[in-house]
Amino acid sequence: MAHRQPSPGAASRRGMLKAAAGTLGAASLARGAAAGNPDNLPPNPPEWSRSLGPGVIEEAYGTPSRHEAHVLRRYVPWLTQDRQSSVSFTPLAEMHGIITPSGLHFERHHGGVPEVDPADWRLMIHGLVERPLLFTLEDLKRLPSVSRIHFIECPANGGMEWRGAQMSGVQYTHGMLSCSEWTGVPLKLLLAQTGLRPNASWLLAEGGDASLMTRSLPIAKALDDIIVAYGQNGEAVRPQQGYPVRLVVPGWEGNVWVKWLRRIEVGDRPWYHREETRHYTDLMPDGRARKFTFVNEVNSVITFPCPEKPLNGRPGFVEIAGLAWSGAGRIARVDVSVDGGDTWRTAQLQEPVLDKALTRFRIPWEWREGERAFLQSRAMDETGRVQPTITALRRARGVESIYHRNAIHTWLVEPDGTVVNVQIDD
């Protein structure tokens, strides 16, 4: 079988992509073999073992090692006009396991981050209910709680890649994605207290930021698994993630996980506000737009090797690793190709494999120096959904959308071990 070729212009874009890596900061993340201080290497006792270190609570709230200072959320200056309505990206290549540290969780704001005093915060539930109610934060914490691990993904994740390979680094192609343990009260318990009228079928969630972000949600989802969350990864939800309270809407696009939640109105139809008409709809080739495409489709990406984590001309055994996720349920299988999709092998899924959570996959590979490879991953979830090729996705959806791009992604490993973002046409 003839080997597939990169999409037209892919090879000529490599220089541009490498230059973009410097602009975006991705190149600064690449690490070669550590030189180190030979005096600290075995059999010598290292310098840090020759004297006492700081005692307890020198840092009352712990911070990462200074040697991990490069592990940061990053921002693309040209992407938006200002930072108040913008996005930062999680450094996926630096993550371990499936939980994203709260301080590295990607951000998407529409009016900046409000500073909310929890003593002044209230949640109002009104509309088509029998008993309109106000809840304080302490009211919520007195109610039965749940803790669940779920991913959250902005529907625009990867949106800049519809027309061709653009961004250099997995942080920028897929970094609007994080996974946390969320703690709070099931929304259905609050709605049970207010009581729903017979014609109640939708709700409107409103945030307390400067944009007064609103989204319509069907009552069926609210009565299923939505959480009114005040906890994240064992502590209070961070301000950038909606302190003191946000919605957690498992498996659905991040835009409906309304932050700084202040109001829920119950109605009998969707509201069609700004963020569900002008934005967060998917433009199709015939000019029509898909509406309420809530579910995040099955997706995956290889996080090693990747542009931030090249092979640096070091041949031999490599464990290809990455992340898979689906808003429809658990990941059932991930296949990996090193030849651009001509052949596939099934990867090992790393436990735990949870519902609507990130799942790690791994597979061994021997890379030979001077060898070119086209790395891809293809995920399948428990419902049978399979990640499409970029050609199949464009055939169905065109190239005018920026949302719900879940196509198979390709990294080109150059003969020297450098990794470049490319696209391959079927």
Protein backbone atom coordinates (compact mmCIF):
# COMPACT_ATOMS: atom_id res chain seq x y z
CA MET A 1 0.00 0.00 0.00
CA ALA A 2 1.33 3.38 -0.94
CA HIS A 3 2.18 5.56 2.04
CA ARG A 4 -0.14 8.47 2.59
CA GLN A 5 1.37 11.86 2.07
CA PRO A 6 0.95 14.94 4.24
CA SER A 7 -1.77 17.30 3.08
CA PRO A 8 -0.76 19.80 0.39
CA GLY A 9 1.57 22.39 1.79
CA ALA A 10 2.30 20.39 4.96
CA ALA A 11 5.98 19.96 4.18
CA SER A 12 6.38 23.61 3.24
CA ARG A 13 4.68 24.61 6.48
CA ARG A 14 7.25 22.87 8.65
CA GLY A 15 9.55 25.87 8.77
CA MET A 16 6.62 28.10 9.66
CA LEU A 17 5.45 25.68 12.35
CA LYS A 18 8.91 25.50 13.91
CA ALA A 19 9.10 29.28 13.93
CA ALA A 20 5.65 29.45 15.49
CA ALA A 21 6.87 27.20 18.28
CA GLY A 22 9.26 29.90 19.39
CA THR A 23 6.54 32.55 19.18
CA LEU A 24 4.13 30.49 21.26
CA GLY A 25 6.69 29.37 23.78
CA ALA A 26 6.49 25.68 22.89
CA ALA A 27 10.12 25.45 21.86
CA SER A 28 11.20 26.60 25.29
CA LEU A 29 9.56 23.50 26.74
CA ALA A 30 11.73 21.04 24.84
CA ARG A 31 14.23 19.31 27.07
CA GLY A 32 17.39 17.60 25.95
CA ALA A 33 19.45 15.19 28.01
CA ALA A 34 20.06 16.81 31.38
CA ALA A 35 23.69 17.87 31.78
CA GLY A 36 23.54 18.24 35.55
CA ASN A 37 26.43 18.54 37.97
CA PRO A 38 28.65 15.43 37.92
CA ASP A 39 29.48 15.98 41.60
CA ASN A 40 25.86 15.18 42.42
CA LEU A 41 25.76 11.90 40.50
CA PRO A 42 26.25 8.41 42.02
CA PRO A 43 28.25 7.27 43.84
CA ASN A 44 28.72 10.79 45.29
CA PRO A 45 26.21 12.02 47.89
CA PRO A 46 24.31 14.93 46.27
CA GLU A 47 24.69 18.44 47.63
CA TRP A 48 21.06 18.60 48.79
CA SER A 49 21.68 15.76 51.23
CA ARG A 50 24.52 17.53 53.07
CA SER A 51 22.46 20.03 55.05
CA LEU A 52 19.05 20.39 56.62
CA GLY A 53 16.26 21.78 54.48
CA PRO A 54 13.31 24.00 55.42
CA GLY A 55 10.90 22.71 58.04
CA VAL A 56 7.16 22.30 57.96
CA ILE A 57 4.87 25.18 56.92
CA GLU A 58 7.73 27.22 55.48
CA GLU A 59 5.14 27.32 52.72
CA ALA A 60 1.73 27.17 54.36
CA TYR A 61 0.22 26.46 50.94
CA GLY A 62 2.55 24.21 48.95
CA THR A 63 3.89 25.11 45.52
CA PRO A 64 5.64 23.05 42.83
CA SER A 65 9.42 22.60 42.69
CA ARG A 66 11.29 25.50 41.11
CA HIS A 67 12.59 22.94 38.60
CA GLU A 68 9.03 22.63 37.28
CA ALA A 69 8.66 26.36 36.66
CA HIS A 70 8.23 25.73 32.91
CA VAL A 71 4.96 23.84 33.52
CA LEU A 72 2.48 26.66 33.02
CA ARG A 73 -0.80 27.52 31.39
CA ARG A 74 -0.09 29.53 28.26
CA TYR A 75 -1.88 32.17 26.24
CA VAL A 76 -1.84 32.97 22.51
CA PRO A 77 -1.73 36.80 22.22
CA TRP A 78 -3.10 37.03 18.68
CA LEU A 79 -6.06 34.73 19.38
CA THR A 80 -8.28 37.34 21.08
CA GLN A 81 -8.40 41.11 21.45
CA ASP A 82 -7.95 41.06 25.22
CA ARG A 83 -7.46 38.65 28.11
CA GLN A 84 -10.83 39.28 29.75
CA SER A 85 -12.58 37.29 27.03
CA SER A 86 -9.98 34.72 26.15
CA VAL A 87 -8.50 31.31 26.90
CA SER A 88 -5.40 29.78 28.45
CA PHE A 89 -4.19 26.26 27.66
CA THR A 90 -3.34 23.31 29.90
CA PRO A 91 0.20 21.90 29.36
CA LEU A 92 -1.01 18.39 28.51
CA ALA A 93 2.48 17.11 27.64
CA GLU A 94 3.60 17.72 31.24
CA MET A 95 0.64 16.00 32.91
CA HIS A 96 0.73 12.65 34.73
CA GLY A 97 -2.29 10.47 35.38
CA ILE A 98 -5.72 11.87 34.60
CA ILE A 99 -6.21 14.66 37.18
CA THR A 100 -5.26 18.18 36.09
CA PRO A 101 -3.85 20.25 38.97
CA SER A 102 -6.26 23.08 39.72
CA GLY A 103 -3.54 25.68 39.04
CA LEU A 104 -2.99 24.29 35.52
CA HIS A 105 -6.64 23.86 34.58
CA PHE A 106 -7.33 25.73 31.33
CA GLU A 107 -9.30 28.98 31.53
CA ARG A 108 -12.05 30.35 29.31
CA HIS A 109 -13.51 33.65 30.41
CA HIS A 110 -16.04 36.00 28.78
CA GLY A 111 -15.76 38.93 31.19
CA GLY A 112 -12.68 38.32 33.30
CA VAL A 113 -12.56 36.65 36.73
CA PRO A 114 -14.87 38.20 39.35
CA GLU A 115 -13.83 38.33 43.00
CA VAL A 116 -16.86 36.86 44.74
CA ASP A 117 -17.31 37.14 48.50
CA PRO A 118 -18.90 33.82 49.54
CA ALA A 119 -20.77 35.57 52.38
CA ASP A 120 -22.59 37.66 49.76
CA TRP A 121 -23.14 34.83 47.29
CA ARG A 122 -26.59 33.34 46.71
CA LEU A 123 -28.04 30.88 44.24
CA MET A 124 -31.58 31.74 43.13
CA ILE A 125 -33.84 29.08 41.58
CA HIS A 126 -37.09 30.42 40.16
CA GLY A 127 -39.42 30.29 37.16
CA LEU A 128 -41.64 27.24 36.59
CA VAL A 129 -41.18 25.94 40.13
CA GLU A 130 -43.58 25.57 43.04
CA ARG A 131 -41.31 27.23 45.60
CA PRO A 132 -38.68 29.76 44.42
CA LEU A 133 -35.69 29.49 46.74
CA LEU A 134 -32.41 31.20 47.62
CA PHE A 135 -29.46 29.02 48.70
CA THR A 136 -26.35 30.20 50.54
CA LEU A 137 -23.04 28.40 50.24
CA GLU A 138 -23.54 26.98 53.73
CA ASP A 139 -26.99 25.73 52.69
CA LEU A 140 -25.39 23.75 49.86
CA LYS A 141 -22.68 22.29 52.11
CA ARG A 142 -25.32 20.96 54.52
CA LEU A 143 -26.93 18.88 51.78
CA PRO A 144 -25.84 15.37 50.64
CA SER A 145 -22.83 15.73 48.37
CA VAL A 146 -21.16 13.70 45.63
CA SER A 147 -17.58 13.65 44.29
CA ARG A 148 -16.96 12.58 40.70
CA ILE A 149 -14.06 12.75 38.26
CA HIS A 150 -15.00 14.30 34.91
CA PHE A 151 -13.20 16.05 32.06
CA ILE A 152 -14.21 19.47 30.79
CA GLU A 153 -13.44 20.52 27.22
CA CYS A 154 -14.10 23.80 25.47
CA PRO A 155 -16.03 23.03 22.25
CA ALA A 156 -13.49 25.19 20.37
CA ASN A 157 -10.65 22.86 21.39
CA GLY A 158 -8.64 22.23 18.23
CA GLY A 159 -10.83 24.67 16.31
CA MET A 160 -7.89 26.41 14.67
CA GLU A 161 -6.98 23.13 12.92
CA TRP A 162 -10.08 22.80 10.69
CA ARG A 163 -8.39 24.11 7.52
CA GLY A 164 -4.92 22.75 8.18
CA ALA A 165 -2.18 22.21 10.74
CA GLN A 166 -1.68 25.54 12.50
CA MET A 167 -0.42 25.26 16.06
CA SER A 168 2.90 23.86 17.24
CA GLY A 169 2.39 21.85 20.39
CA VAL A 170 -0.25 19.66 22.03
CA GLN A 171 -0.81 22.45 24.57
CA TYR A 172 -2.23 24.59 21.75
CA THR A 173 -3.93 21.95 19.61
CA HIS A 174 -5.75 20.23 22.50
CA GLY A 175 -5.05 22.22 25.68
CA MET A 176 -8.58 23.54 26.23
CA LEU A 177 -9.09 20.28 28.13
CA SER A 178 -8.76 19.39 31.81
CA CYS A 179 -10.00 16.72 34.22
CA SER A 180 -10.79 17.22 37.91
CA GLU A 181 -12.55 15.63 40.83
CA TRP A 182 -15.63 17.77 41.42
CA THR A 183 -17.55 17.91 44.70
CA GLY A 184 -20.98 19.40 45.25
CA VAL A 185 -24.72 18.85 45.36
CA PRO A 186 -26.64 17.08 42.58
CA LEU A 187 -28.82 19.70 40.92
CA LYS A 188 -31.79 17.33 41.05
CA LEU A 189 -31.78 17.63 44.87
CA LEU A 190 -32.17 21.40 44.66
CA LEU A 191 -34.90 21.11 42.04
CA ALA A 192 -36.68 18.61 44.28
CA GLN A 193 -36.76 21.24 47.01
CA THR A 194 -38.21 23.88 44.72
CA GLY A 195 -40.57 21.48 42.97
CA LEU A 196 -40.98 21.49 39.18
CA ARG A 197 -44.22 22.45 37.50
CA PRO A 198 -45.60 19.98 34.92
CA ASN A 199 -44.53 22.04 31.89
CA ALA A 200 -40.93 22.55 33.09
CA SER A 201 -38.59 21.21 30.41
CA TRP A 202 -35.59 23.60 30.19
CA LEU A 203 -33.52 25.71 32.54
CA LEU A 204 -31.36 28.80 32.09
CA ALA A 205 -28.11 28.94 34.08
CA GLU A 206 -26.61 32.39 34.65
CA GLY A 207 -23.11 33.24 35.88
CA GLY A 208 -22.08 36.17 38.03
CA ASP A 209 -19.19 37.51 35.95
CA ALA A 210 -19.23 40.76 33.98
CA SER A 211 -20.63 38.98 30.91
CA LEU A 212 -23.58 37.48 32.87
CA MET A 213 -22.96 34.31 30.89
CA THR A 214 -26.14 32.30 30.25
CA ARG A 215 -26.87 28.90 28.69
CA SER A 216 -30.04 26.87 28.20
CA LEU A 217 -30.03 23.26 29.37
CA PRO A 218 -32.70 20.56 29.15
CA ILE A 219 -34.28 19.51 32.45
CA ALA A 220 -33.57 15.86 31.61
CA LYS A 221 -29.83 16.49 31.96
CA ALA A 222 -30.37 18.43 35.20
CA LEU A 223 -32.26 15.46 36.65
CA ASP A 224 -29.51 13.08 35.52
CA ASP A 225 -25.95 14.02 36.52
CA ILE A 226 -25.41 17.81 36.75
CA ILE A 227 -23.57 18.90 39.91
CA VAL A 228 -23.69 22.30 41.59
CA ALA A 229 -20.01 22.17 42.57
CA TYR A 230 -18.13 24.03 45.28
CA GLY A 231 -15.10 21.68 45.43
CA GLN A 232 -12.35 20.84 42.95
CA ASN A 233 -9.52 18.38 43.55
CA GLY A 234 -10.03 18.37 47.30
CA GLU A 235 -10.20 22.14 47.83
CA ALA A 236 -12.59 24.96 47.03
CA VAL A 237 -13.16 25.62 43.35
CA ARG A 238 -10.50 28.11 42.19
CA PRO A 239 -11.62 31.66 41.24
CA GLN A 240 -10.63 31.04 37.60
CA GLN A 241 -12.88 27.96 37.66
CA GLY A 242 -15.95 29.63 39.14
CA TYR A 243 -15.47 30.20 42.89
CA PRO A 244 -17.50 29.77 44.96
CA VAL A 245 -19.90 27.64 42.87
CA ARG A 246 -20.11 26.43 39.30
CA LEU A 247 -22.09 23.92 37.28
CA VAL A 248 -20.51 20.60 36.33
CA VAL A 249 -22.28 19.11 33.29
CA PRO A 250 -20.53 15.77 32.66
CA GLY A 251 -19.67 15.02 29.04
CA TRP A 252 -21.11 18.24 27.66
CA GLU A 253 -19.22 21.16 26.15
CA GLY A 254 -17.46 23.39 28.67
CA ASN A 255 -19.46 26.48 27.76
CA VAL A 256 -22.53 25.09 29.56
CA TRP A 257 -20.55 24.48 32.78
CA VAL A 258 -21.56 27.97 33.94
CA LYS A 259 -19.09 29.50 36.42
CA TRP A 260 -19.77 31.84 39.34
CA LEU A 261 -23.31 30.44 39.21
CA ARG A 262 -25.90 32.86 40.62
CA ARG A 263 -29.25 32.02 39.04
CA ILE A 264 -31.22 29.11 37.58
CA GLU A 265 -34.50 29.89 35.86
CA VAL A 266 -36.81 27.02 34.95
CA GLY A 267 -38.88 27.32 31.77
CA ASP A 268 -40.68 25.38 29.07
CA ARG A 269 -38.35 26.12 26.13
CA PRO A 270 -34.74 27.16 25.43
CA TRP A 271 -33.90 30.87 25.67
CA TYR A 272 -31.65 31.23 22.58
CA HIS A 273 -29.38 33.79 24.19
CA ARG A 274 -26.19 35.20 22.68
CA GLU A 275 -23.88 32.32 23.57
CA GLU A 276 -26.18 29.75 21.93
CA THR A 277 -26.98 31.65 18.74
CA ARG A 278 -24.09 33.92 17.77
CA HIS A 279 -21.55 31.52 19.32
CA TYR A 280 -21.38 27.82 20.13
CA THR A 281 -23.27 26.70 17.05
CA ASP A 282 -21.60 24.70 14.27
CA LEU A 283 -21.76 26.21 10.77
CA MET A 284 -22.38 23.57 8.10
CA PRO A 285 -21.37 23.60 4.40
CA ASP A 286 -24.90 24.58 3.27
CA GLY A 287 -24.93 27.67 5.52
CA ARG A 288 -27.17 26.21 8.19
CA ALA A 289 -25.88 25.76 11.73
CA ARG A 290 -26.23 22.85 14.13
CA LYS A 291 -27.68 24.02 17.44
CA PHE A 292 -27.35 22.61 20.94
CA THR A 293 -24.52 20.23 20.06
CA PHE A 294 -23.95 19.65 23.74
CA VAL A 295 -22.02 16.35 23.81
CA ASN A 296 -18.24 16.35 23.41
CA GLU A 297 -17.45 13.69 20.82
CA VAL A 298 -14.95 10.84 21.29
CA ASN A 299 -11.41 12.15 20.92
CA SER A 300 -7.76 11.41 21.65
CA VAL A 301 -4.26 12.83 21.24
CA ILE A 302 -0.71 11.54 21.67
CA THR A 303 1.12 13.52 24.36
CA PHE A 304 4.47 11.72 23.97
CA PRO A 305 6.19 12.15 21.60
CA CYS A 306 4.82 15.55 20.63
CA PRO A 307 6.33 18.92 19.65
CA GLU A 308 7.04 19.80 23.30
CA LYS A 309 8.50 16.34 23.95
CA PRO A 310 10.65 15.40 20.93
CA LEU A 311 12.87 12.31 20.72
CA ASN A 312 16.06 14.40 20.44
CA GLY A 313 17.87 11.93 18.22
CA ARG A 314 17.90 9.24 20.90
CA PRO A 315 16.95 5.97 19.14
CA GLY A 316 15.53 2.91 20.84
CA PHE A 317 12.49 1.95 22.89
CA VAL A 318 9.78 4.58 23.27
CA GLU A 319 6.46 4.29 25.04
CA ILE A 320 3.94 6.24 23.01
CA ALA A 321 1.43 7.73 25.45
CA GLY A 322 -1.62 9.92 25.27
CA LEU A 323 -5.11 10.81 26.44
CA ALA A 324 -8.56 9.77 25.23
CA TRP A 325 -12.00 11.00 26.26
CA SER A 326 -15.67 10.91 25.30
CA GLY A 327 -18.70 12.83 26.46
CA ALA A 328 -20.86 9.77 25.77
CA GLY A 329 -19.25 7.44 28.30
CA ARG A 330 -16.12 5.39 28.95
CA ILE A 331 -13.30 4.88 26.49
CA ALA A 332 -13.41 1.29 25.23
CA ARG A 333 -10.33 1.15 22.99
CA VAL A 334 -7.55 3.26 21.50
CA ASP A 335 -5.57 2.23 18.41
CA VAL A 336 -2.21 3.78 17.51
CA SER A 337 -0.52 4.07 14.13
CA VAL A 338 3.09 5.05 13.39
CA ASP A 339 2.64 5.09 9.60
CA GLY A 340 -0.14 7.63 9.15
CA GLY A 341 -3.02 5.20 9.45
CA ASP A 342 -1.87 2.44 7.10
CA THR A 343 -1.63 0.00 10.01
CA TRP A 344 -2.92 0.12 13.58
CA ARG A 345 -2.14 -1.55 16.91
CA THR A 346 -4.35 -1.51 20.00
CA ALA A 347 -2.91 0.37 22.96
CA GLN A 348 -3.21 -0.49 26.64
CA LEU A 349 -5.69 1.58 28.63
CA GLN A 350 -4.33 2.67 31.99
CA GLU A 351 -6.64 2.33 34.99
CA PRO A 352 -8.85 3.92 36.07
CA VAL A 353 -11.13 4.03 33.04
CA LEU A 354 -14.02 6.21 34.19
CA ASP A 355 -17.26 7.55 32.74
CA LYS A 356 -16.77 10.90 30.97
CA ALA A 357 -13.22 11.25 32.28
CA LEU A 358 -9.78 11.39 30.69
CA THR A 359 -8.24 7.96 30.05
CA ARG A 360 -4.53 7.33 29.55
CA PHE A 361 -3.28 4.94 26.87
CA ARG A 362 0.19 3.50 26.22
CA ILE A 363 1.92 1.36 23.62
CA PRO A 364 5.60 0.40 23.07
CA TRP A 365 7.44 1.41 19.90
CA GLU A 366 11.03 1.18 18.72
CA TRP A 367 12.18 4.36 17.01
CA ARG A 368 15.24 4.17 14.80
CA GLU A 369 17.27 7.32 14.38
CA GLY A 370 16.86 8.70 10.89
CA GLU A 371 13.39 7.16 10.62
CA ARG A 372 10.33 9.21 9.75
CA ALA A 373 7.03 8.35 11.40
CA PHE A 374 3.47 9.68 11.33
CA LEU A 375 1.96 9.12 14.77
CA GLN A 376 -1.81 8.94 15.19
CA SER A 377 -4.30 7.73 17.80
CA ARG A 378 -7.91 6.68 17.18
CA ALA A 379 -10.32 6.29 20.10
CA MET A 380 -13.57 4.36 20.43
CA ASP A 381 -16.03 4.73 23.31
CA GLU A 382 -18.42 2.23 24.90
CA THR A 383 -21.29 3.40 22.67
CA GLY A 384 -19.35 2.45 19.53
CA ARG A 385 -18.49 5.99 18.49
CA VAL A 386 -15.14 6.10 16.64
CA GLN A 387 -12.89 9.10 16.12
CA PRO A 388 -13.08 10.18 12.43
CA THR A 389 -10.35 11.19 10.02
CA ILE A 390 -10.04 14.89 9.23
CA THR A 391 -11.22 14.17 5.65
CA ALA A 392 -14.37 12.41 6.86
CA LEU A 393 -15.11 15.20 9.32
CA ARG A 394 -14.67 17.90 6.68
CA ARG A 395 -16.87 15.94 4.28
CA ALA A 396 -19.70 16.02 6.83
CA ARG A 397 -19.13 19.41 8.42
CA GLY A 398 -17.10 21.55 6.00
CA VAL A 399 -14.36 23.89 7.24
CA GLU A 400 -16.27 26.93 8.47
CA SER A 401 -16.94 25.67 12.00
CA ILE A 402 -14.59 26.14 14.94
CA TYR A 403 -16.42 23.78 17.31
CA HIS A 404 -16.41 20.04 18.03
CA ARG A 405 -13.37 19.14 15.96
CA ASN A 406 -12.49 15.61 17.09
CA ALA A 407 -10.54 14.36 14.08
CA ILE A 408 -7.61 11.95 14.32
CA HIS A 409 -4.50 14.07 14.93
CA THR A 410 -1.09 13.51 13.31
CA TRP A 411 2.41 14.22 14.62
CA LEU A 412 5.29 13.86 12.15
CA VAL A 413 8.48 12.55 13.77
CA GLU A 414 11.37 13.90 11.68
CA PRO A 415 14.58 11.85 11.18
CA ASP A 416 16.33 13.86 13.93
CA GLY A 417 13.50 13.23 16.42
CA THR A 418 11.85 16.64 16.07
CA VAL A 419 8.03 16.40 16.16
CA VAL A 420 5.85 18.57 13.92
CA ASN A 421 2.09 19.08 13.62
CA VAL A 422 0.83 17.97 10.16
CA GLN A 423 -2.39 16.77 8.57
CA ILE A 424 -2.85 13.76 6.30
CA ASP A 425 -5.59 13.52 3.69
CA ASP A 426 -7.25 10.15 3.12
